[in-house]
């Protein structure tokens, strides 16, 4: 109840009285805000459950499909010469590799210019046309390559069929820097830079094919301005105004004595499921060993056990009922959470078919009342070493644990958790709207109270004046 102070002195403390009255009026809003805070806490708890579930699903997926059971470990006898990685479709084995040449891209360089910003030609619209293919020549028929000038005689050019790529030069970019930028912006498979050789005409445009291999050499034709044509036109079979500073080359190597040629030093199709990275020419065979990554399997099993224990502990804690010795969880008795616990334990404790192992306990993953799951490394490692196929089946088959648990986690996240958090968020939104309405109402009530007690003060002041007047006259 509000206490009206100041009457004895003939004046009401308006702010104090209105504040007390508004505290009473705001009781419904305070109740709504308390309810909203409770929902916010529940939303936060569900966020933690979502995080646990996502972590658990990630751990399960490492034991499913192309996860750890399909992981391979690759060892190169000389990583400076050769490195490699293996996919899930690789096969364990030993390979001897000999590298006789590495793939490289063709590089061309233009005649020097005195400035990189001076205009070249009259600015006439000019088209640079790039074709990519193989340059070849026959020494027996007069064909030759002069490594000093970087040019060919009696050569032929065979396009790789990738199509002609064009770049337009006009009066907005007819400088060495403008041509460089136009080529790079066009993204046609050619990288352009400007090199300063320190001479009297030091600025030289350098062009590099971004794809390596002999089939990606360049043939450049120019249509338009004659000055640009004389600078950049380069036909390997005719007029060559550019000098070749690096010849396009394939990677040539042997795998177990079988000769292989590739246009790139990153090779994905020489050995099944293996990506090779060729780094250096060899003087002797380099051994490459591919084996099953059993350490990854054990690590995945440990991650699975840890993630399960974290998840079941959180689900149990937040849904626990209040007892005489412990406070209940934020979601005490929540049916959705209790259902998740029941479903999860149901999968873990059920048996599967398809191999000699039918339960998690068979491979050393045992249920512990106070912990959740515990991994017996000796039993599990023995299964990895002696019966990897059936161990994989236990998790990865259509009814395997990883398959079932992944599907359960997906449904739990996308249906159960999403539905509950969506409903809670909607409740918070609804309360917020109610609070906004009430706050508008409170503003009106406060204004009314303030006016009423201000008027009361005015009336009390008037009465006080009349009382003084009467007292003085009677006296």
Protein backbone atom coordinates (compact mmCIF):
# COMPACT_ATOMS: atom_id res chain seq x y z
CA UNK A 1 0.00 0.00 0.00
CA UNK A 2 1.26 3.46 -0.93
CA UNK A 3 1.84 5.89 1.95
CA UNK A 4 0.93 9.52 1.21
CA UNK A 5 3.64 11.60 2.80
CA UNK A 6 3.53 15.34 3.38
CA UNK A 7 -0.16 15.81 4.31
CA UNK A 8 0.78 17.03 7.79
CA UNK A 9 2.87 19.77 6.24
CA UNK A 10 0.19 20.68 3.75
CA UNK A 11 2.09 19.36 0.73
CA UNK A 12 2.27 15.87 -0.85
CA UNK A 13 5.63 14.43 -2.04
CA UNK A 14 4.33 13.75 -5.56
CA UNK A 15 7.38 11.80 -6.82
CA UNK A 16 7.47 9.53 -3.78
CA UNK A 17 3.75 8.78 -3.85
CA UNK A 18 3.65 8.20 -7.63
CA UNK A 19 6.70 5.94 -7.36
CA UNK A 20 4.99 3.80 -4.71
CA UNK A 21 1.76 3.59 -6.67
CA UNK A 22 3.60 2.69 -9.90
CA UNK A 23 5.46 -0.11 -8.11
CA UNK A 24 2.06 -1.63 -7.37
CA UNK A 25 0.81 -1.02 -10.92
CA UNK A 26 3.98 -2.61 -12.44
CA UNK A 27 3.54 -5.90 -10.58
CA UNK A 28 2.09 -7.64 -13.71
CA UNK A 29 5.03 -6.40 -15.82
CA UNK A 30 7.52 -7.63 -13.23
CA UNK A 31 5.81 -11.01 -13.34
CA UNK A 32 6.06 -11.08 -17.15
CA UNK A 33 9.75 -10.09 -17.06
CA UNK A 34 10.44 -12.83 -14.52
CA UNK A 35 8.74 -15.34 -16.79
CA UNK A 36 10.74 -14.08 -19.78
CA UNK A 37 13.99 -14.43 -17.80
CA UNK A 38 13.02 -18.03 -17.02
CA UNK A 39 12.48 -18.68 -20.72
CA UNK A 40 15.82 -17.05 -21.52
CA UNK A 41 17.51 -19.41 -19.08
CA UNK A 42 15.80 -22.39 -20.74
CA UNK A 43 16.91 -21.12 -24.14
CA UNK A 44 20.49 -20.94 -22.90
CA UNK A 45 20.26 -24.49 -21.54
CA UNK A 46 18.96 -25.75 -24.88
CA UNK A 47 21.88 -23.95 -26.54
CA UNK A 48 24.24 -26.00 -24.39
CA UNK A 49 22.40 -29.19 -25.30
CA UNK A 50 22.61 -28.27 -28.99
CA UNK A 51 26.37 -27.79 -28.63
CA UNK A 52 26.75 -31.18 -26.89
CA UNK A 53 24.62 -32.87 -29.53
CA UNK A 54 26.62 -31.33 -32.38
CA UNK A 55 29.90 -32.42 -30.79
CA UNK A 56 28.51 -35.91 -30.27
CA UNK A 57 27.31 -36.11 -33.90
CA UNK A 58 30.75 -35.02 -35.16
CA UNK A 59 32.38 -37.73 -33.04
CA UNK A 60 29.91 -40.32 -34.35
CA UNK A 61 30.52 -39.31 -37.96
CA UNK A 62 34.24 -40.04 -37.55
CA UNK A 63 33.20 -43.66 -37.01
CA UNK A 64 30.76 -43.66 -39.91
CA UNK A 65 31.00 -43.83 -43.71
CA UNK A 66 34.30 -42.43 -44.95
CA UNK A 67 35.51 -41.63 -41.44
CA UNK A 68 38.31 -43.12 -39.42
CA UNK A 69 37.82 -46.75 -40.51
CA UNK A 70 38.63 -45.62 -44.06
CA UNK A 71 41.55 -43.40 -43.02
CA UNK A 72 45.02 -44.15 -44.34
CA UNK A 73 48.44 -43.02 -43.20
CA UNK A 74 50.98 -42.07 -45.86
CA UNK A 75 54.73 -42.09 -45.28
CA UNK A 76 57.26 -40.75 -47.76
CA UNK A 77 60.88 -41.80 -47.34
CA UNK A 78 61.91 -38.30 -48.49
CA UNK A 79 59.33 -35.55 -47.97
CA UNK A 80 61.53 -32.99 -49.75
CA UNK A 81 61.17 -35.05 -52.91
CA UNK A 82 57.65 -36.33 -52.59
CA UNK A 83 54.63 -35.93 -50.31
CA UNK A 84 51.22 -37.59 -50.61
CA UNK A 85 47.80 -37.92 -49.04
CA UNK A 86 45.34 -40.80 -49.24
CA UNK A 87 41.55 -40.77 -49.49
CA UNK A 88 39.05 -43.33 -48.28
CA UNK A 89 39.28 -45.34 -51.53
CA UNK A 90 43.03 -45.84 -51.31
CA UNK A 91 44.64 -49.25 -50.96
CA UNK A 92 47.40 -50.14 -48.54
CA UNK A 93 50.68 -50.82 -50.31
CA UNK A 94 54.29 -49.86 -50.99
CA UNK A 95 55.31 -47.81 -54.02
CA UNK A 96 58.66 -46.77 -55.47
CA UNK A 97 58.67 -43.44 -57.30
CA UNK A 98 61.30 -42.01 -59.60
CA UNK A 99 60.92 -38.40 -60.80
CA UNK A 100 62.85 -37.41 -63.94
CA UNK A 101 61.24 -33.99 -64.57
CA UNK A 102 58.80 -31.63 -62.91
CA UNK A 103 55.92 -29.89 -64.63
CA UNK A 104 56.41 -26.19 -65.32
CA UNK A 105 54.56 -23.36 -67.04
CA UNK A 106 55.68 -21.48 -70.13
CA UNK A 107 57.02 -17.98 -69.50
CA UNK A 108 57.33 -15.24 -72.15
CA UNK A 109 58.83 -11.76 -71.91
CA UNK A 110 58.36 -8.71 -74.15
CA UNK A 111 60.89 -6.17 -75.39
CA UNK A 112 61.86 -3.46 -72.90
CA UNK A 113 60.11 -0.08 -72.64
CA UNK A 114 61.50 3.16 -71.22
CA UNK A 115 58.42 3.67 -69.03
CA UNK A 116 55.69 1.47 -67.63
CA UNK A 117 53.16 4.33 -67.80
CA UNK A 118 53.81 5.85 -71.25
CA UNK A 119 51.15 5.14 -73.88
CA UNK A 120 51.86 2.50 -76.48
CA UNK A 121 50.34 3.12 -79.92
CA UNK A 122 47.48 5.43 -80.80
CA UNK A 123 44.88 3.95 -78.46
CA UNK A 124 43.03 2.13 -81.23
CA UNK A 125 40.80 -0.65 -79.92
CA UNK A 126 42.98 -3.76 -80.04
CA UNK A 127 42.21 -7.41 -79.31
CA UNK A 128 44.77 -9.76 -77.80
CA UNK A 129 43.82 -13.37 -78.58
CA UNK A 130 45.40 -16.17 -76.54
CA UNK A 131 45.32 -19.81 -77.59
CA UNK A 132 46.87 -22.63 -75.55
CA UNK A 133 48.40 -25.80 -76.89
CA UNK A 134 51.55 -27.76 -77.66
CA UNK A 135 54.59 -26.37 -79.49
CA UNK A 136 56.63 -29.00 -81.31
CA UNK A 137 59.39 -29.12 -83.87
CA UNK A 138 61.29 -31.79 -85.82
CA UNK A 139 65.09 -31.29 -85.90
CA UNK A 140 65.35 -33.71 -88.83
CA UNK A 141 63.22 -31.34 -90.93
CA UNK A 142 64.93 -28.12 -89.95
CA UNK A 143 62.98 -27.46 -86.77
CA UNK A 144 64.87 -25.90 -83.88
CA UNK A 145 64.61 -23.97 -80.66
CA UNK A 146 67.11 -21.23 -79.84
CA UNK A 147 67.45 -21.08 -76.07
CA UNK A 148 69.36 -17.80 -76.32
CA UNK A 149 66.63 -15.88 -78.16
CA UNK A 150 63.85 -18.02 -76.74
CA UNK A 151 62.31 -18.54 -80.20
CA UNK A 152 61.39 -21.42 -82.51
CA UNK A 153 62.18 -22.21 -86.13
CA UNK A 154 59.94 -24.40 -88.31
CA UNK A 155 57.73 -25.25 -85.33
CA UNK A 156 54.09 -26.31 -85.19
CA UNK A 157 51.36 -25.40 -82.72
CA UNK A 158 48.55 -27.78 -81.81
CA UNK A 159 45.73 -26.12 -79.81
CA UNK A 160 44.51 -28.03 -76.74
CA UNK A 161 40.92 -27.18 -77.61
CA UNK A 162 40.32 -24.98 -74.60
CA UNK A 163 39.16 -22.09 -76.79
CA UNK A 164 40.52 -18.65 -77.67
CA UNK A 165 40.65 -16.18 -74.76
CA UNK A 166 40.63 -12.45 -75.56
CA UNK A 167 41.62 -9.18 -73.88
CA UNK A 168 40.74 -5.70 -75.19
CA UNK A 169 43.22 -2.83 -75.11
CA UNK A 170 42.15 0.75 -75.97
CA UNK A 171 42.99 4.34 -75.09
CA UNK A 172 42.09 3.70 -71.43
CA UNK A 173 44.75 1.06 -70.82
CA UNK A 174 47.34 1.24 -73.61
CA UNK A 175 50.32 1.43 -71.26
CA UNK A 176 52.48 -1.40 -70.02
CA UNK A 177 50.77 -1.26 -66.63
CA UNK A 178 47.35 -1.01 -68.29
CA UNK A 179 48.02 -4.07 -70.46
CA UNK A 180 49.24 -5.98 -67.41
CA UNK A 181 46.14 -5.12 -65.42
CA UNK A 182 43.79 -5.90 -68.31
CA UNK A 183 45.29 -9.37 -68.77
CA UNK A 184 45.13 -10.16 -65.05
CA UNK A 185 41.58 -8.86 -64.69
CA UNK A 186 40.40 -10.95 -67.65
CA UNK A 187 41.33 -14.15 -65.76
CA UNK A 188 42.09 -16.06 -68.94
CA UNK A 189 44.78 -18.37 -67.65
CA UNK A 190 47.67 -15.94 -68.03
CA UNK A 191 49.44 -14.04 -65.27
CA UNK A 192 51.12 -10.76 -66.27
CA UNK A 193 53.81 -8.85 -64.38
CA UNK A 194 56.31 -6.08 -65.18
CA UNK A 195 60.01 -6.79 -64.69
CA UNK A 196 62.68 -4.09 -64.41
CA UNK A 197 65.92 -5.47 -65.88
CA UNK A 198 67.98 -2.35 -65.08
CA UNK A 199 68.79 -1.56 -68.72
CA UNK A 200 68.16 1.57 -70.77
CA UNK A 201 64.65 0.32 -71.58
CA UNK A 202 64.13 -1.67 -68.40
CA UNK A 203 60.37 -2.25 -68.19
CA UNK A 204 59.41 -5.59 -69.68
CA UNK A 205 56.01 -7.30 -69.66
CA UNK A 206 56.31 -10.92 -68.49
CA UNK A 207 53.54 -13.45 -69.23
CA UNK A 208 53.16 -16.82 -67.50
CA UNK A 209 50.63 -19.52 -68.32
CA UNK A 210 48.85 -20.31 -65.05
CA UNK A 211 48.50 -23.97 -66.09
CA UNK A 212 51.66 -26.06 -66.31
CA UNK A 213 52.45 -28.73 -68.88
CA UNK A 214 53.43 -28.77 -72.55
CA UNK A 215 49.81 -28.55 -73.71
CA UNK A 216 49.42 -25.12 -72.11
CA UNK A 217 51.96 -23.12 -74.12
CA UNK A 218 50.72 -19.79 -75.52
CA UNK A 219 50.13 -18.50 -79.04
CA UNK A 220 49.23 -14.78 -79.06
CA UNK A 221 47.72 -12.89 -81.99
CA UNK A 222 47.02 -9.15 -81.99
CA UNK A 223 44.40 -7.36 -84.05
CA UNK A 224 44.29 -3.55 -84.03
CA UNK A 225 47.07 -1.17 -83.06
CA UNK A 226 50.32 -1.96 -84.91
CA UNK A 227 52.52 -0.82 -81.99
CA UNK A 228 50.90 -3.29 -79.61
CA UNK A 229 51.02 -5.96 -82.30
CA UNK A 230 54.78 -5.52 -82.73
CA UNK A 231 55.21 -5.74 -78.96
CA UNK A 232 52.99 -8.72 -78.08
CA UNK A 233 52.19 -10.77 -81.18
CA UNK A 234 53.80 -14.19 -80.76
CA UNK A 235 53.10 -17.06 -83.15
CA UNK A 236 55.38 -20.05 -82.41
CA UNK A 237 55.04 -21.06 -86.08
CA UNK A 238 55.82 -17.58 -87.47
CA UNK A 239 56.61 -14.10 -86.15
CA UNK A 240 57.66 -14.17 -82.51
CA UNK A 241 57.94 -10.78 -80.83
CA UNK A 242 58.26 -12.30 -77.35
CA UNK A 243 61.13 -14.34 -75.97
CA UNK A 244 60.47 -17.60 -74.17
CA UNK A 245 62.32 -17.65 -70.85
CA UNK A 246 60.90 -20.94 -69.60
CA UNK A 247 59.68 -23.83 -71.72
CA UNK A 248 56.40 -25.52 -70.77
CA UNK A 249 57.13 -28.99 -69.45
CA UNK A 250 55.30 -32.08 -68.17
CA UNK A 251 56.05 -34.01 -65.04
CA UNK A 252 57.65 -37.34 -65.96
CA UNK A 253 57.97 -40.03 -63.32
CA UNK A 254 57.69 -43.75 -62.67
CA UNK A 255 55.55 -45.64 -60.15
CA UNK A 256 56.93 -49.13 -59.53
CA UNK A 257 58.70 -48.89 -62.88
CA UNK A 258 55.65 -47.73 -64.87
CA UNK A 259 56.37 -44.49 -66.79
CA UNK A 260 53.77 -41.72 -66.29
CA UNK A 261 53.47 -38.23 -67.78
CA UNK A 262 51.27 -35.51 -66.27
CA UNK A 263 50.82 -31.78 -66.89
CA UNK A 264 50.89 -30.94 -63.16
CA UNK A 265 53.10 -31.77 -60.20
CA UNK A 266 49.94 -32.52 -58.20
CA UNK A 267 48.81 -35.91 -59.47
CA UNK A 268 45.52 -37.46 -58.36
CA UNK A 269 45.12 -40.41 -60.73
CA UNK A 270 48.41 -42.28 -60.78
CA UNK A 271 47.71 -44.38 -57.67
CA UNK A 272 44.11 -45.13 -56.64
CA UNK A 273 42.87 -42.80 -53.93
CA UNK A 274 46.27 -41.11 -53.53
CA UNK A 275 47.26 -37.51 -54.31
CA UNK A 276 50.95 -37.12 -55.12
CA UNK A 277 52.86 -33.87 -54.72
CA UNK A 278 56.05 -34.02 -56.77
CA UNK A 279 58.69 -31.66 -55.39
CA UNK A 280 62.10 -32.62 -56.72
CA UNK A 281 63.85 -34.74 -59.32
CA UNK A 282 65.17 -37.96 -57.81
CA UNK A 283 68.50 -39.69 -58.26
CA UNK A 284 67.16 -42.91 -56.76
CA UNK A 285 63.68 -44.34 -56.14
CA UNK A 286 61.75 -42.81 -53.21
CA UNK A 287 59.56 -45.21 -51.26
CA UNK A 288 55.95 -44.34 -50.45
CA UNK A 289 54.10 -46.47 -47.89
CA UNK A 290 50.31 -46.43 -47.42
CA UNK A 291 48.84 -48.15 -44.37
CA UNK A 292 45.59 -48.12 -42.42
CA UNK A 293 45.64 -45.33 -39.83
CA UNK A 294 44.83 -47.40 -36.73
CA UNK A 295 45.75 -44.51 -34.43
CA UNK A 296 42.96 -42.44 -36.01
CA UNK A 297 40.47 -45.24 -35.29
CA UNK A 298 41.44 -45.40 -31.61
CA UNK A 299 41.33 -41.61 -31.33
CA UNK A 300 37.86 -41.57 -32.90
CA UNK A 301 36.63 -44.18 -30.42
CA UNK A 302 37.93 -42.14 -27.49
CA UNK A 303 36.29 -38.99 -28.86
CA UNK A 304 33.02 -40.88 -29.23
CA UNK A 305 33.09 -42.08 -25.61
CA UNK A 306 33.96 -38.60 -24.29
CA UNK A 307 31.26 -36.90 -26.35
CA UNK A 308 28.64 -39.43 -25.25
CA UNK A 309 29.52 -38.99 -21.58
CA UNK A 310 29.38 -35.18 -21.86
CA UNK A 311 26.01 -35.34 -23.60
CA UNK A 312 24.32 -37.83 -21.27
CA UNK A 313 25.66 -35.98 -18.21
CA UNK A 314 24.22 -32.67 -19.40
CA UNK A 315 20.86 -34.15 -20.42
CA UNK A 316 20.53 -35.90 -17.06
CA UNK A 317 21.56 -32.82 -15.08
CA UNK A 318 19.22 -30.29 -16.71
CA UNK A 319 16.20 -32.61 -16.49
CA UNK A 320 16.77 -33.88 -12.94
CA UNK A 321 13.88 -33.54 -10.46
CA UNK A 322 14.30 -31.60 -7.24
CA UNK A 323 15.08 -33.73 -4.20
CA UNK A 324 15.58 -33.11 -0.51
CA UNK A 325 19.33 -32.98 -1.06
CA UNK A 326 19.59 -31.35 -4.48
CA UNK A 327 17.88 -28.62 -6.46
CA UNK A 328 16.22 -29.68 -9.70
CA UNK A 329 17.55 -28.92 -13.16
CA UNK A 330 16.39 -25.97 -15.25
CA UNK A 331 14.35 -28.37 -17.38
CA UNK A 332 13.33 -30.64 -14.50
CA UNK A 333 11.13 -33.45 -15.76
CA UNK A 334 11.04 -32.01 -19.30
CA UNK A 335 9.44 -34.79 -21.41
CA UNK A 336 11.43 -33.97 -24.54
CA UNK A 337 14.77 -34.24 -22.72
CA UNK A 338 13.72 -37.41 -20.90
CA UNK A 339 12.76 -38.85 -24.30
CA UNK A 340 16.20 -37.99 -25.74
CA UNK A 341 17.89 -39.79 -22.84
CA UNK A 342 15.68 -42.85 -23.32
CA UNK A 343 16.31 -43.01 -27.08
CA UNK A 344 20.06 -42.52 -26.73
CA UNK A 345 20.49 -45.18 -24.08
CA UNK A 346 18.23 -47.48 -26.06
CA UNK A 347 20.57 -47.37 -29.07
CA UNK A 348 23.71 -47.73 -26.96
CA UNK A 349 22.38 -50.76 -25.08
CA UNK A 350 20.91 -52.58 -28.08
CA UNK A 351 22.69 -55.21 -30.15
CA UNK A 352 23.39 -54.97 -33.89
CA UNK A 353 23.96 -57.64 -36.50
CA UNK A 354 26.29 -58.09 -39.42
CA UNK A 355 29.56 -59.32 -37.95
CA UNK A 356 31.21 -61.19 -35.13
CA UNK A 357 30.83 -58.12 -32.90
CA UNK A 358 27.24 -57.32 -31.90
CA UNK A 359 27.55 -54.97 -28.92
CA UNK A 360 29.83 -52.11 -27.92
CA UNK A 361 31.00 -54.18 -24.97
CA UNK A 362 32.38 -56.75 -27.43
CA UNK A 363 34.99 -54.20 -28.51
CA UNK A 364 35.71 -52.80 -25.05
CA UNK A 365 33.21 -49.91 -24.89
CA UNK A 366 31.37 -50.70 -21.70
CA UNK A 367 28.57 -49.00 -19.76
CA UNK A 368 29.59 -47.64 -16.37
CA UNK A 369 26.74 -46.54 -14.02
CA UNK A 370 28.47 -43.46 -12.66
CA UNK A 371 30.35 -42.49 -15.82
CA UNK A 372 28.36 -43.41 -18.90
CA UNK A 373 30.75 -45.24 -21.18
CA UNK A 374 34.34 -46.35 -20.61
CA UNK A 375 36.79 -47.59 -23.23
CA UNK A 376 38.97 -50.61 -22.50
CA UNK A 377 41.92 -49.79 -24.77
CA UNK A 378 43.35 -53.33 -24.63
CA UNK A 379 40.16 -54.93 -25.94
CA UNK A 380 39.53 -52.21 -28.52
CA UNK A 381 43.10 -52.20 -29.87
CA UNK A 382 42.94 -55.98 -30.20
CA UNK A 383 39.79 -55.62 -32.32
CA UNK A 384 41.55 -53.03 -34.48
CA UNK A 385 44.57 -55.28 -34.96
CA UNK A 386 42.81 -58.62 -35.45
CA UNK A 387 39.35 -57.96 -36.87
CA UNK A 388 39.15 -54.49 -38.34
CA UNK A 389 36.50 -55.48 -40.88
CA UNK A 390 33.96 -56.61 -38.27
CA UNK A 391 34.84 -53.66 -36.06
CA UNK A 392 34.04 -51.31 -38.93
CA UNK A 393 30.79 -53.21 -39.59
CA UNK A 394 29.75 -52.75 -35.96
CA UNK A 395 29.73 -48.98 -36.51
CA UNK A 396 29.29 -48.37 -40.25
CA UNK A 397 26.74 -50.91 -41.46
CA UNK A 398 23.19 -49.80 -42.22
CA UNK A 399 22.18 -50.82 -38.68
CA UNK A 400 25.56 -50.07 -37.06
CA UNK A 401 25.94 -47.86 -34.01
CA UNK A 402 27.41 -44.89 -35.87
CA UNK A 403 24.70 -45.06 -38.52
CA UNK A 404 21.90 -45.18 -35.94
CA UNK A 405 23.41 -42.53 -33.67
CA UNK A 406 24.09 -40.13 -36.53
CA UNK A 407 20.46 -40.38 -37.67
CA UNK A 408 19.27 -39.94 -34.07
CA UNK A 409 21.46 -36.87 -33.53
CA UNK A 410 20.26 -35.33 -36.79
CA UNK A 411 16.59 -35.80 -35.83
CA UNK A 412 17.21 -34.58 -32.30
CA UNK A 413 18.87 -31.40 -33.54
CA UNK A 414 16.57 -30.63 -36.47
CA UNK A 415 13.28 -31.63 -34.86
CA UNK A 416 13.32 -31.90 -31.07
CA UNK A 417 15.77 -29.11 -30.20
CA UNK A 418 14.69 -26.80 -33.02
CA UNK A 419 11.02 -27.19 -32.11
CA UNK A 420 11.58 -26.52 -28.41
CA UNK A 421 13.87 -23.52 -28.95
CA UNK A 422 11.48 -22.13 -31.55
CA UNK A 423 8.55 -22.41 -29.14
CA UNK A 424 10.53 -20.82 -26.32
CA UNK A 425 11.70 -17.98 -28.58
CA UNK A 426 8.09 -17.39 -29.62
CA UNK A 427 7.02 -17.25 -25.96
CA UNK A 428 9.75 -14.69 -25.24
CA UNK A 429 8.59 -12.65 -28.23
CA UNK A 430 4.95 -12.80 -27.09
CA UNK A 431 5.90 -11.66 -23.58
CA UNK A 432 7.94 -8.81 -25.02
CA UNK A 433 4.88 -7.59 -26.93
CA UNK A 434 2.75 -7.81 -23.79
CA UNK A 435 5.35 -5.85 -21.85
CA UNK A 436 5.43 -3.16 -24.55
CA UNK A 437 1.64 -2.81 -24.30
CA UNK A 438 1.81 -2.66 -20.53
CA UNK A 439 4.63 -0.12 -20.59
CA UNK A 440 2.50 2.16 -22.77
CA UNK A 441 -0.32 1.74 -20.27
CA UNK A 442 2.03 2.46 -17.37
CA UNK A 443 3.08 5.75 -18.97
CA UNK A 444 -0.56 6.86 -19.05
CA UNK A 445 -1.19 5.79 -15.46
CA UNK A 446 1.92 7.57 -14.23
CA UNK A 447 0.89 10.72 -16.04
CA UNK A 448 -2.59 10.53 -14.44
CA UNK A 449 -1.22 9.95 -10.94
CA UNK A 450 1.25 12.79 -11.30
CA UNK A 451 -1.52 15.15 -12.42
CA UNK A 452 -3.85 14.07 -9.60
CA UNK A 453 -1.33 14.60 -6.83
CA UNK A 454 -0.04 17.81 -8.33
CA UNK A 455 -3.63 19.07 -8.30
CA UNK A 456 -3.97 17.84 -4.72
CA UNK A 457 -0.94 19.89 -3.74
CA UNK A 458 -2.49 22.92 -5.37
CA UNK A 459 -5.72 22.38 -3.44
CA UNK A 460 -3.86 21.83 -0.16
CA UNK A 461 -1.91 24.99 -0.76
CA UNK A 462 -5.15 26.91 -1.34
CA UNK A 463 -6.74 25.45 1.81
CA UNK A 464 -3.63 26.34 3.80
CA UNK A 465 -3.87 29.92 2.59
CA UNK A 466 -7.58 30.11 3.52
CA UNK A 467 -6.84 28.64 6.95
CA UNK A 468 -4.19 31.29 7.54
CA UNK A 469 -6.56 34.05 6.43
CA UNK A 470 -9.40 32.85 8.71
CA UNK A 471 -7.06 32.43 11.66
CA UNK A 472 -5.71 35.93 11.24
CA UNK A 473 -9.22 37.47 10.99
CA UNK A 474 -10.59 35.54 13.98
CA UNK A 475 -7.62 36.64 16.01
